[in-house]
Amino acid sequence: MNIRNIIGPAAIALMLVACRSNSQKPEMPAAPSQVQTEEASTSIPDFRMNDIDGNEVSALEEAAKHKITVIDFWASWCGPCLREMPEVVGMYNKYKDKGLGIIGVSLDKDATSWKEAVKRMGMKWVQVSDLQGWDNAAAQMFGVQSIPFTVIIDREGKLIDAGLRGSELEQRVGEILEH
């Protein structure tokens, strides 16, 4: 039996789920996977990173502009991230006028790949990166071990929810913004 026939499907199955870091990082203690109310008491720490044009962006200053903000950890080399991006773009277009902001945090190391993916996928929201890959300062701060990974915060930086993807993410955003 050919080893590629065994490893190939397993590797593809893993890639369909998420892109994972090779290092072991502790889970972010302040980010439970399901915070049930908007009145969560945990505030995220601020982080500052350069946007796609080289301008420094404060996550909390950006979040203050919106009713809620999704911090979306992703990378141009991450297949699951790119497959989910059309849903994120659709969610953004649906809810941006109702108070949704998004901060895309790229775990890319190559600026050209990052910028091309942003343009190609039509991501019209704030994009930041320190181009350090898995060593991205914000990803380290949040204990991100796989991407795509999302964190939802309110305008004061209080944690609402974390770890939602796809339709679950859009459903949660809709619940918050529609009431």
N, C-alpha and C. Protein backbone atom coordinates (compact mmCIF):
# COMPACT_ATOMS: atom_id res chain seq x y z
N MET A 1 0.85 -1.18 0.00
CA MET A 1 0.00 0.00 0.00
C MET A 1 0.89 1.24 0.00
N ASN A 2 0.54 2.22 -0.78
CA ASN A 2 1.28 3.46 -0.90
C ASN A 2 1.00 4.35 0.32
N ILE A 3 2.05 4.85 0.97
CA ILE A 3 1.91 5.68 2.16
C ILE A 3 1.13 6.97 1.87
N ARG A 4 1.25 7.51 0.65
CA ARG A 4 0.50 8.72 0.28
C ARG A 4 -1.00 8.48 0.31
N ASN A 5 -1.42 7.25 0.01
CA ASN A 5 -2.84 6.93 0.05
C ASN A 5 -3.39 6.97 1.47
N ILE A 6 -2.54 6.73 2.45
CA ILE A 6 -2.97 6.77 3.84
C ILE A 6 -2.83 8.17 4.41
N ILE A 7 -1.68 8.79 4.23
CA ILE A 7 -1.41 10.10 4.81
C ILE A 7 -2.18 11.20 4.10
N GLY A 8 -2.29 11.14 2.78
CA GLY A 8 -2.97 12.18 2.01
C GLY A 8 -4.35 12.52 2.52
N PRO A 9 -5.28 11.54 2.60
CA PRO A 9 -6.63 11.86 3.08
C PRO A 9 -6.64 12.38 4.52
N ALA A 10 -5.78 11.86 5.36
CA ALA A 10 -5.72 12.34 6.75
C ALA A 10 -5.26 13.79 6.80
N ALA A 11 -4.25 14.11 6.01
CA ALA A 11 -3.75 15.50 5.98
C ALA A 11 -4.81 16.44 5.44
N ILE A 12 -5.52 16.01 4.42
CA ILE A 12 -6.58 16.85 3.85
C ILE A 12 -7.68 17.05 4.89
N ALA A 13 -8.06 16.01 5.60
CA ALA A 13 -9.10 16.14 6.62
C ALA A 13 -8.69 17.13 7.70
N LEU A 14 -7.44 17.09 8.13
CA LEU A 14 -6.95 18.04 9.13
C LEU A 14 -7.00 19.46 8.58
N MET A 15 -6.61 19.66 7.33
CA MET A 15 -6.62 20.99 6.74
C MET A 15 -8.03 21.55 6.62
N LEU A 16 -9.03 20.68 6.49
CA LEU A 16 -10.41 21.14 6.39
C LEU A 16 -10.91 21.69 7.71
N VAL A 17 -10.33 21.26 8.80
CA VAL A 17 -10.79 21.69 10.11
C VAL A 17 -10.17 23.01 10.50
N ALA A 18 -8.86 23.12 10.50
CA ALA A 18 -8.18 24.36 10.88
C ALA A 18 -6.70 24.24 10.62
N CYS A 19 -6.06 25.39 10.49
CA CYS A 19 -4.60 25.44 10.42
C CYS A 19 -4.10 25.55 11.84
N ARG A 20 -3.17 24.71 12.24
CA ARG A 20 -2.72 24.67 13.62
C ARG A 20 -1.26 25.05 13.75
N SER A 21 -0.94 25.62 14.91
CA SER A 21 0.43 25.94 15.24
C SER A 21 1.16 24.66 15.61
N ASN A 22 2.46 24.64 15.35
CA ASN A 22 3.26 23.48 15.75
C ASN A 22 3.68 23.54 17.20
N SER A 23 3.54 24.70 17.82
CA SER A 23 3.97 24.83 19.21
C SER A 23 2.78 24.73 20.14
N GLN A 24 3.04 24.33 21.36
CA GLN A 24 2.00 24.23 22.37
C GLN A 24 1.92 25.55 23.10
N LYS A 25 0.75 26.16 23.08
CA LYS A 25 0.54 27.41 23.79
C LYS A 25 -0.61 27.22 24.75
N PRO A 26 -0.59 27.88 25.89
CA PRO A 26 -1.70 27.75 26.81
C PRO A 26 -2.95 28.42 26.24
N GLU A 27 -4.11 27.89 26.61
CA GLU A 27 -5.35 28.53 26.22
C GLU A 27 -5.45 29.88 26.90
N MET A 28 -6.08 30.82 26.23
CA MET A 28 -6.28 32.14 26.81
C MET A 28 -7.29 32.01 27.94
N PRO A 29 -6.89 32.22 29.20
CA PRO A 29 -7.80 32.02 30.31
C PRO A 29 -8.99 32.97 30.29
N ALA A 30 -8.84 34.14 29.70
CA ALA A 30 -9.92 35.12 29.71
C ALA A 30 -10.88 34.95 28.54
N ALA A 31 -10.70 33.94 27.70
CA ALA A 31 -11.56 33.80 26.53
C ALA A 31 -12.26 32.45 26.50
N PRO A 32 -13.33 32.30 27.28
CA PRO A 32 -14.07 31.05 27.21
C PRO A 32 -14.69 30.90 25.83
N SER A 33 -14.92 29.66 25.41
CA SER A 33 -15.43 29.47 24.06
C SER A 33 -16.86 29.95 23.91
N GLN A 34 -17.61 30.04 24.96
CA GLN A 34 -18.98 30.52 24.87
C GLN A 34 -19.29 31.42 26.06
N VAL A 35 -19.24 32.72 25.87
CA VAL A 35 -19.70 33.67 26.88
C VAL A 35 -21.13 33.98 26.51
N GLN A 36 -22.05 33.82 27.41
CA GLN A 36 -23.46 33.84 27.05
C GLN A 36 -24.09 35.22 26.98
N THR A 37 -23.50 36.25 27.56
CA THR A 37 -24.15 37.55 27.54
C THR A 37 -23.19 38.62 27.06
N GLU A 38 -23.77 39.72 26.58
CA GLU A 38 -22.96 40.86 26.18
C GLU A 38 -22.33 41.53 27.39
N GLU A 39 -22.88 41.29 28.56
CA GLU A 39 -22.39 41.97 29.75
C GLU A 39 -21.19 41.25 30.37
N ALA A 40 -20.46 40.54 29.58
CA ALA A 40 -19.27 39.85 30.08
C ALA A 40 -18.35 40.86 30.75
N SER A 41 -17.75 40.45 31.84
CA SER A 41 -16.94 41.39 32.61
C SER A 41 -15.47 41.41 32.20
N THR A 42 -15.04 40.47 31.40
CA THR A 42 -13.64 40.37 31.02
C THR A 42 -13.34 41.29 29.85
N SER A 43 -12.40 42.19 30.03
CA SER A 43 -11.96 43.06 28.94
C SER A 43 -10.67 42.51 28.36
N ILE A 44 -10.55 42.65 27.06
CA ILE A 44 -9.32 42.18 26.42
C ILE A 44 -8.23 43.22 26.61
N PRO A 45 -6.98 42.80 26.61
CA PRO A 45 -5.89 43.78 26.62
C PRO A 45 -5.78 44.41 25.24
N ASP A 46 -5.40 45.67 25.20
CA ASP A 46 -5.22 46.33 23.91
C ASP A 46 -3.97 45.79 23.24
N PHE A 47 -4.00 45.77 21.93
CA PHE A 47 -2.78 45.50 21.18
C PHE A 47 -2.73 46.48 20.02
N ARG A 48 -1.52 46.83 19.65
CA ARG A 48 -1.29 47.76 18.54
C ARG A 48 -0.44 47.05 17.50
N MET A 49 -0.86 47.23 16.26
CA MET A 49 -0.16 46.58 15.16
C MET A 49 -0.36 47.43 13.91
N ASN A 50 0.54 47.32 12.97
CA ASN A 50 0.41 48.08 11.73
C ASN A 50 -0.63 47.47 10.81
N ASP A 51 -1.39 48.37 10.16
CA ASP A 51 -2.36 47.91 9.18
C ASP A 51 -1.68 47.67 7.84
N ILE A 52 -2.47 47.35 6.86
CA ILE A 52 -1.95 46.98 5.55
C ILE A 52 -1.21 48.12 4.87
N ASP A 53 -1.50 49.37 5.30
CA ASP A 53 -0.81 50.54 4.75
C ASP A 53 0.35 51.01 5.62
N GLY A 54 0.65 50.28 6.69
CA GLY A 54 1.76 50.64 7.57
C GLY A 54 1.40 51.58 8.70
N ASN A 55 0.10 51.86 8.89
CA ASN A 55 -0.33 52.75 9.98
C ASN A 55 -0.63 51.95 11.23
N GLU A 56 -0.18 52.45 12.38
CA GLU A 56 -0.44 51.75 13.63
C GLU A 56 -1.93 51.82 13.99
N VAL A 57 -2.48 50.68 14.38
CA VAL A 57 -3.88 50.57 14.77
C VAL A 57 -3.95 50.00 16.18
N SER A 58 -4.75 50.65 17.03
CA SER A 58 -5.04 50.13 18.36
C SER A 58 -6.34 49.33 18.27
N ALA A 59 -6.33 48.11 18.72
CA ALA A 59 -7.52 47.27 18.67
C ALA A 59 -8.68 47.90 19.45
N LEU A 60 -8.40 48.42 20.63
CA LEU A 60 -9.47 49.00 21.44
C LEU A 60 -9.98 50.32 20.86
N GLU A 61 -9.11 51.11 20.27
CA GLU A 61 -9.58 52.34 19.62
C GLU A 61 -10.46 52.00 18.42
N GLU A 62 -10.09 50.99 17.67
CA GLU A 62 -10.90 50.56 16.53
C GLU A 62 -12.23 49.99 17.01
N ALA A 63 -12.21 49.18 18.05
CA ALA A 63 -13.45 48.59 18.58
C ALA A 63 -14.42 49.66 19.09
N ALA A 64 -13.90 50.75 19.61
CA ALA A 64 -14.75 51.83 20.14
C ALA A 64 -15.61 52.47 19.05
N LYS A 65 -15.27 52.26 17.79
CA LYS A 65 -16.02 52.84 16.67
C LYS A 65 -17.26 52.02 16.30
N HIS A 66 -17.42 50.84 16.90
CA HIS A 66 -18.47 49.91 16.49
C HIS A 66 -19.23 49.38 17.70
N LYS A 67 -20.45 48.91 17.49
CA LYS A 67 -21.21 48.29 18.58
C LYS A 67 -20.49 47.02 19.02
N ILE A 68 -20.10 46.20 18.05
CA ILE A 68 -19.28 45.01 18.34
C ILE A 68 -18.19 44.91 17.28
N THR A 69 -17.12 44.24 17.64
CA THR A 69 -16.00 44.00 16.72
C THR A 69 -15.61 42.53 16.80
N VAL A 70 -15.43 41.95 15.64
CA VAL A 70 -14.90 40.59 15.55
C VAL A 70 -13.41 40.71 15.25
N ILE A 71 -12.60 40.13 16.09
CA ILE A 71 -11.17 40.02 15.82
C ILE A 71 -10.98 38.66 15.17
N ASP A 72 -10.56 38.68 13.91
CA ASP A 72 -10.49 37.47 13.09
C ASP A 72 -9.04 37.12 12.80
N PHE A 73 -8.55 36.06 13.44
CA PHE A 73 -7.18 35.58 13.21
C PHE A 73 -7.21 34.65 12.00
N TRP A 74 -6.36 34.93 11.02
CA TRP A 74 -6.35 34.18 9.77
C TRP A 74 -4.99 34.31 9.11
N ALA A 75 -4.80 33.67 7.96
CA ALA A 75 -3.56 33.82 7.18
C ALA A 75 -3.84 33.47 5.73
N SER A 76 -3.07 34.05 4.83
CA SER A 76 -3.26 33.80 3.40
C SER A 76 -2.92 32.37 3.00
N TRP A 77 -2.13 31.67 3.80
CA TRP A 77 -1.71 30.30 3.51
C TRP A 77 -2.64 29.27 4.14
N CYS A 78 -3.66 29.71 4.86
CA CYS A 78 -4.56 28.82 5.60
C CYS A 78 -5.80 28.50 4.76
N GLY A 79 -5.86 27.28 4.25
CA GLY A 79 -7.00 26.87 3.42
C GLY A 79 -8.35 27.05 4.10
N PRO A 80 -8.53 26.58 5.34
CA PRO A 80 -9.83 26.78 6.01
C PRO A 80 -10.19 28.26 6.17
N CYS A 81 -9.18 29.10 6.41
CA CYS A 81 -9.44 30.55 6.53
C CYS A 81 -9.99 31.09 5.22
N LEU A 82 -9.35 30.73 4.13
CA LEU A 82 -9.77 31.24 2.82
C LEU A 82 -11.13 30.68 2.41
N ARG A 83 -11.42 29.43 2.79
CA ARG A 83 -12.73 28.86 2.46
C ARG A 83 -13.84 29.54 3.24
N GLU A 84 -13.56 29.98 4.47
CA GLU A 84 -14.58 30.66 5.28
C GLU A 84 -14.69 32.15 4.98
N MET A 85 -13.69 32.72 4.32
CA MET A 85 -13.68 34.17 4.13
C MET A 85 -14.89 34.71 3.37
N PRO A 86 -15.41 34.01 2.34
CA PRO A 86 -16.62 34.55 1.71
C PRO A 86 -17.78 34.72 2.69
N GLU A 87 -17.91 33.82 3.67
CA GLU A 87 -18.95 33.97 4.69
C GLU A 87 -18.68 35.19 5.57
N VAL A 88 -17.42 35.42 5.91
CA VAL A 88 -17.07 36.57 6.74
C VAL A 88 -17.34 37.86 5.96
N VAL A 89 -16.99 37.88 4.68
CA VAL A 89 -17.26 39.05 3.84
C VAL A 89 -18.77 39.30 3.78
N GLY A 90 -19.55 38.25 3.58
CA GLY A 90 -21.00 38.39 3.54
C GLY A 90 -21.57 38.90 4.85
N MET A 91 -21.05 38.38 5.97
CA MET A 91 -21.49 38.83 7.29
C MET A 91 -21.16 40.30 7.48
N TYR A 92 -19.96 40.69 7.09
CA TYR A 92 -19.56 42.08 7.22
C TYR A 92 -20.48 43.00 6.40
N ASN A 93 -20.72 42.63 5.16
CA ASN A 93 -21.59 43.45 4.31
C ASN A 93 -23.00 43.54 4.86
N LYS A 94 -23.48 42.46 5.47
CA LYS A 94 -24.83 42.42 6.02
C LYS A 94 -24.97 43.28 7.28
N TYR A 95 -23.93 43.30 8.12
CA TYR A 95 -24.04 43.93 9.45
C TYR A 95 -23.20 45.18 9.67
N LYS A 96 -22.38 45.58 8.70
CA LYS A 96 -21.50 46.73 8.93
C LYS A 96 -22.28 48.01 9.24
N ASP A 97 -23.45 48.19 8.63
CA ASP A 97 -24.25 49.39 8.87
C ASP A 97 -25.07 49.28 10.16
N LYS A 98 -25.03 48.12 10.80
CA LYS A 98 -25.75 47.91 12.06
C LYS A 98 -24.81 47.92 13.25
N GLY A 99 -23.51 48.19 13.00
CA GLY A 99 -22.57 48.32 14.10
C GLY A 99 -21.47 47.29 14.16
N LEU A 100 -21.30 46.47 13.11
CA LEU A 100 -20.24 45.47 13.11
C LEU A 100 -18.94 46.04 12.57
N GLY A 101 -17.87 45.83 13.30
CA GLY A 101 -16.52 46.10 12.83
C GLY A 101 -15.75 44.79 12.85
N ILE A 102 -14.75 44.68 12.03
CA ILE A 102 -13.87 43.51 12.03
C ILE A 102 -12.44 44.00 12.02
N ILE A 103 -11.60 43.35 12.80
CA ILE A 103 -10.16 43.56 12.73
C ILE A 103 -9.57 42.22 12.30
N GLY A 104 -9.04 42.17 11.09
CA GLY A 104 -8.37 40.98 10.62
C GLY A 104 -6.94 40.99 11.12
N VAL A 105 -6.54 39.92 11.79
CA VAL A 105 -5.16 39.79 12.27
C VAL A 105 -4.52 38.64 11.50
N SER A 106 -3.62 39.00 10.60
CA SER A 106 -2.99 38.01 9.74
C SER A 106 -1.77 37.38 10.41
N LEU A 107 -1.69 36.06 10.32
CA LEU A 107 -0.53 35.33 10.80
C LEU A 107 0.44 35.04 9.67
N ASP A 108 0.41 35.90 8.67
CA ASP A 108 1.35 35.78 7.56
C ASP A 108 2.74 36.25 7.97
N LYS A 109 3.73 35.81 7.21
CA LYS A 109 5.09 36.34 7.31
C LYS A 109 5.45 37.13 6.07
N ASP A 110 4.75 36.88 4.99
CA ASP A 110 5.03 37.53 3.71
C ASP A 110 3.99 38.62 3.44
N ALA A 111 4.43 39.87 3.40
CA ALA A 111 3.52 41.01 3.22
C ALA A 111 2.79 40.95 1.89
N THR A 112 3.48 40.54 0.84
CA THR A 112 2.84 40.49 -0.48
C THR A 112 1.70 39.49 -0.50
N SER A 113 1.92 38.30 0.03
CA SER A 113 0.86 37.29 0.08
C SER A 113 -0.33 37.77 0.89
N TRP A 114 -0.05 38.40 2.02
CA TRP A 114 -1.10 38.95 2.89
C TRP A 114 -1.93 39.98 2.13
N LYS A 115 -1.26 40.97 1.55
CA LYS A 115 -1.97 42.05 0.85
C LYS A 115 -2.75 41.54 -0.36
N GLU A 116 -2.18 40.60 -1.10
CA GLU A 116 -2.88 40.04 -2.25
C GLU A 116 -4.14 39.28 -1.83
N ALA A 117 -4.05 38.54 -0.72
CA ALA A 117 -5.23 37.79 -0.24
C ALA A 117 -6.32 38.75 0.21
N VAL A 118 -5.96 39.82 0.89
CA VAL A 118 -6.95 40.81 1.34
C VAL A 118 -7.69 41.38 0.13
N LYS A 119 -6.95 41.74 -0.89
CA LYS A 119 -7.56 42.31 -2.09
C LYS A 119 -8.41 41.28 -2.82
N ARG A 120 -7.85 40.10 -3.03
CA ARG A 120 -8.55 39.04 -3.78
C ARG A 120 -9.84 38.61 -3.09
N MET A 121 -9.84 38.55 -1.77
CA MET A 121 -11.01 38.08 -1.02
C MET A 121 -12.01 39.20 -0.73
N GLY A 122 -11.66 40.45 -1.02
CA GLY A 122 -12.58 41.55 -0.82
C GLY A 122 -12.80 41.92 0.63
N MET A 123 -11.75 41.82 1.43
CA MET A 123 -11.84 42.16 2.85
C MET A 123 -11.71 43.66 3.01
N LYS A 124 -12.82 44.33 3.26
CA LYS A 124 -12.86 45.80 3.29
C LYS A 124 -12.73 46.37 4.70
N TRP A 125 -12.39 45.57 5.66
CA TRP A 125 -12.25 46.02 7.03
C TRP A 125 -10.77 46.16 7.39
N VAL A 126 -10.51 46.64 8.58
CA VAL A 126 -9.14 46.86 9.06
C VAL A 126 -8.38 45.53 9.08
N GLN A 127 -7.20 45.55 8.49
CA GLN A 127 -6.31 44.38 8.47
C GLN A 127 -4.99 44.77 9.12
N VAL A 128 -4.53 43.97 10.08
CA VAL A 128 -3.25 44.24 10.74
C VAL A 128 -2.40 42.97 10.76
N SER A 129 -1.10 43.18 10.88
CA SER A 129 -0.16 42.07 11.04
C SER A 129 1.19 42.61 11.47
N ASP A 130 1.92 41.80 12.21
CA ASP A 130 3.32 42.13 12.49
C ASP A 130 4.24 41.24 11.66
N LEU A 131 3.64 40.45 10.77
CA LEU A 131 4.36 39.56 9.85
C LEU A 131 5.30 38.60 10.58
N GLN A 132 4.85 38.12 11.73
CA GLN A 132 5.65 37.18 12.53
C GLN A 132 5.06 35.77 12.55
N GLY A 133 4.09 35.50 11.67
CA GLY A 133 3.51 34.15 11.61
C GLY A 133 2.86 33.78 12.93
N TRP A 134 3.11 32.54 13.37
CA TRP A 134 2.54 32.06 14.63
C TRP A 134 3.05 32.85 15.83
N ASP A 135 4.13 33.59 15.67
CA ASP A 135 4.65 34.41 16.76
C ASP A 135 4.00 35.80 16.79
N ASN A 136 2.94 36.00 16.01
CA ASN A 136 2.20 37.27 16.01
C ASN A 136 1.85 37.64 17.44
N ALA A 137 2.14 38.89 17.80
CA ALA A 137 1.96 39.34 19.18
C ALA A 137 0.52 39.18 19.67
N ALA A 138 -0.46 39.52 18.84
CA ALA A 138 -1.87 39.40 19.26
C ALA A 138 -2.26 37.93 19.38
N ALA A 139 -1.81 37.10 18.47
CA ALA A 139 -2.11 35.67 18.55
C ALA A 139 -1.51 35.07 19.82
N GLN A 140 -0.31 35.50 20.18
CA GLN A 140 0.31 35.04 21.43
C GLN A 140 -0.50 35.50 22.64
N MET A 141 -0.94 36.75 22.61
CA MET A 141 -1.70 37.33 23.70
C MET A 141 -3.01 36.56 23.94
N PHE A 142 -3.65 36.13 22.85
CA PHE A 142 -4.92 35.42 22.95
C PHE A 142 -4.76 33.91 23.01
N GLY A 143 -3.53 33.41 22.95
CA GLY A 143 -3.31 31.97 23.03
C GLY A 143 -3.85 31.22 21.82
N VAL A 144 -3.83 31.86 20.65
CA VAL A 144 -4.36 31.25 19.44
C VAL A 144 -3.50 30.05 19.06
N GLN A 145 -4.15 28.89 18.93
CA GLN A 145 -3.44 27.67 18.57
C GLN A 145 -3.85 27.13 17.21
N SER A 146 -4.96 27.64 16.67
CA SER A 146 -5.39 27.25 15.34
C SER A 146 -6.18 28.40 14.73
N ILE A 147 -6.15 28.45 13.42
CA ILE A 147 -6.91 29.48 12.71
C ILE A 147 -7.74 28.80 11.64
N PRO A 148 -8.87 29.39 11.27
CA PRO A 148 -9.39 30.67 11.73
C PRO A 148 -9.83 30.61 13.19
N PHE A 149 -9.68 31.74 13.87
CA PHE A 149 -10.11 31.89 15.25
C PHE A 149 -10.66 33.30 15.41
N THR A 150 -11.79 33.41 16.08
CA THR A 150 -12.42 34.72 16.25
C THR A 150 -12.68 35.03 17.72
N VAL A 151 -12.67 36.32 18.00
CA VAL A 151 -13.03 36.86 19.30
C VAL A 151 -14.01 38.00 19.03
N ILE A 152 -15.12 38.02 19.74
CA ILE A 152 -16.09 39.11 19.60
C ILE A 152 -16.01 39.96 20.86
N ILE A 153 -15.87 41.29 20.66
CA ILE A 153 -15.82 42.23 21.78
C ILE A 153 -16.82 43.36 21.55
N ASP A 154 -17.19 44.04 22.63
CA ASP A 154 -18.04 45.21 22.50
C ASP A 154 -17.18 46.45 22.34
N ARG A 155 -17.81 47.61 22.29
CA ARG A 155 -17.05 48.85 22.04
C ARG A 155 -16.11 49.22 23.18
N GLU A 156 -16.34 48.66 24.39
CA GLU A 156 -15.43 48.91 25.52
C GLU A 156 -14.32 47.87 25.60
N GLY A 157 -14.32 46.91 24.68
CA GLY A 157 -13.30 45.86 24.69
C GLY A 157 -13.66 44.68 25.57
N LYS A 158 -14.92 44.62 26.01
CA LYS A 158 -15.36 43.49 26.84
C LYS A 158 -15.64 42.28 25.95
N LEU A 159 -15.17 41.15 26.41
CA LEU A 159 -15.32 39.90 25.68
C LEU A 159 -16.79 39.47 25.67
N ILE A 160 -17.29 39.19 24.47
CA ILE A 160 -18.65 38.67 24.32
C ILE A 160 -18.60 37.18 24.03
N ASP A 161 -17.74 36.77 23.11
CA ASP A 161 -17.67 35.36 22.72
C ASP A 161 -16.34 35.11 22.04
N ALA A 162 -15.99 33.85 21.88
CA ALA A 162 -14.74 33.50 21.20
C ALA A 162 -14.85 32.11 20.60
N GLY A 163 -14.08 31.89 19.54
CA GLY A 163 -13.96 30.57 18.95
C GLY A 163 -15.07 30.19 17.99
N LEU A 164 -15.93 31.12 17.60
CA LEU A 164 -17.01 30.81 16.67
C LEU A 164 -16.53 30.93 15.24
N ARG A 165 -17.09 30.08 14.38
CA ARG A 165 -16.74 30.08 12.96
C ARG A 165 -17.99 29.92 12.12
N GLY A 166 -17.89 30.30 10.85
CA GLY A 166 -18.94 30.04 9.88
C GLY A 166 -20.30 30.56 10.30
N SER A 167 -21.30 29.70 10.15
CA SER A 167 -22.68 30.11 10.43
C SER A 167 -22.90 30.42 11.91
N GLU A 168 -22.16 29.75 12.80
CA GLU A 168 -22.29 30.07 14.23
C GLU A 168 -21.85 31.50 14.52
N LEU A 169 -20.78 31.94 13.87
CA LEU A 169 -20.30 33.30 14.05
C LEU A 169 -21.34 34.30 13.55
N GLU A 170 -21.86 34.08 12.35
CA GLU A 170 -22.85 35.01 11.81
C GLU A 170 -24.12 35.01 12.65
N GLN A 171 -24.53 33.85 13.12
CA GLN A 171 -25.73 33.79 13.96
C GLN A 171 -25.54 34.59 15.24
N ARG A 172 -24.39 34.46 15.88
CA ARG A 172 -24.12 35.17 17.12
C ARG A 172 -24.05 36.68 16.87
N VAL A 173 -23.39 37.09 15.80
CA VAL A 173 -23.31 38.51 15.46
C VAL A 173 -24.71 39.06 15.22
N GLY A 174 -25.54 38.30 14.48
CA GLY A 174 -26.91 38.72 14.24
C GLY A 174 -27.72 38.85 15.52
N GLU A 175 -27.56 37.89 16.43
CA GLU A 175 -28.28 37.96 17.72
C GLU A 175 -27.96 39.24 18.46
N ILE A 176 -26.71 39.61 18.46
CA ILE A 176 -26.28 40.80 19.20
C ILE A 176 -26.76 42.07 18.51
N LEU A 177 -26.60 42.15 17.22
CA LEU A 177 -26.89 43.38 16.50
C LEU A 177 -28.37 43.58 16.17
N GLU A 178 -29.15 42.53 16.16
CA GLU A 178 -30.56 42.64 15.78
C GLU A 178 -31.47 42.97 16.96
N HIS A 179 -30.96 42.91 18.17
CA HIS A 179 -31.87 43.21 19.30
C HIS A 179 -31.62 44.58 19.88
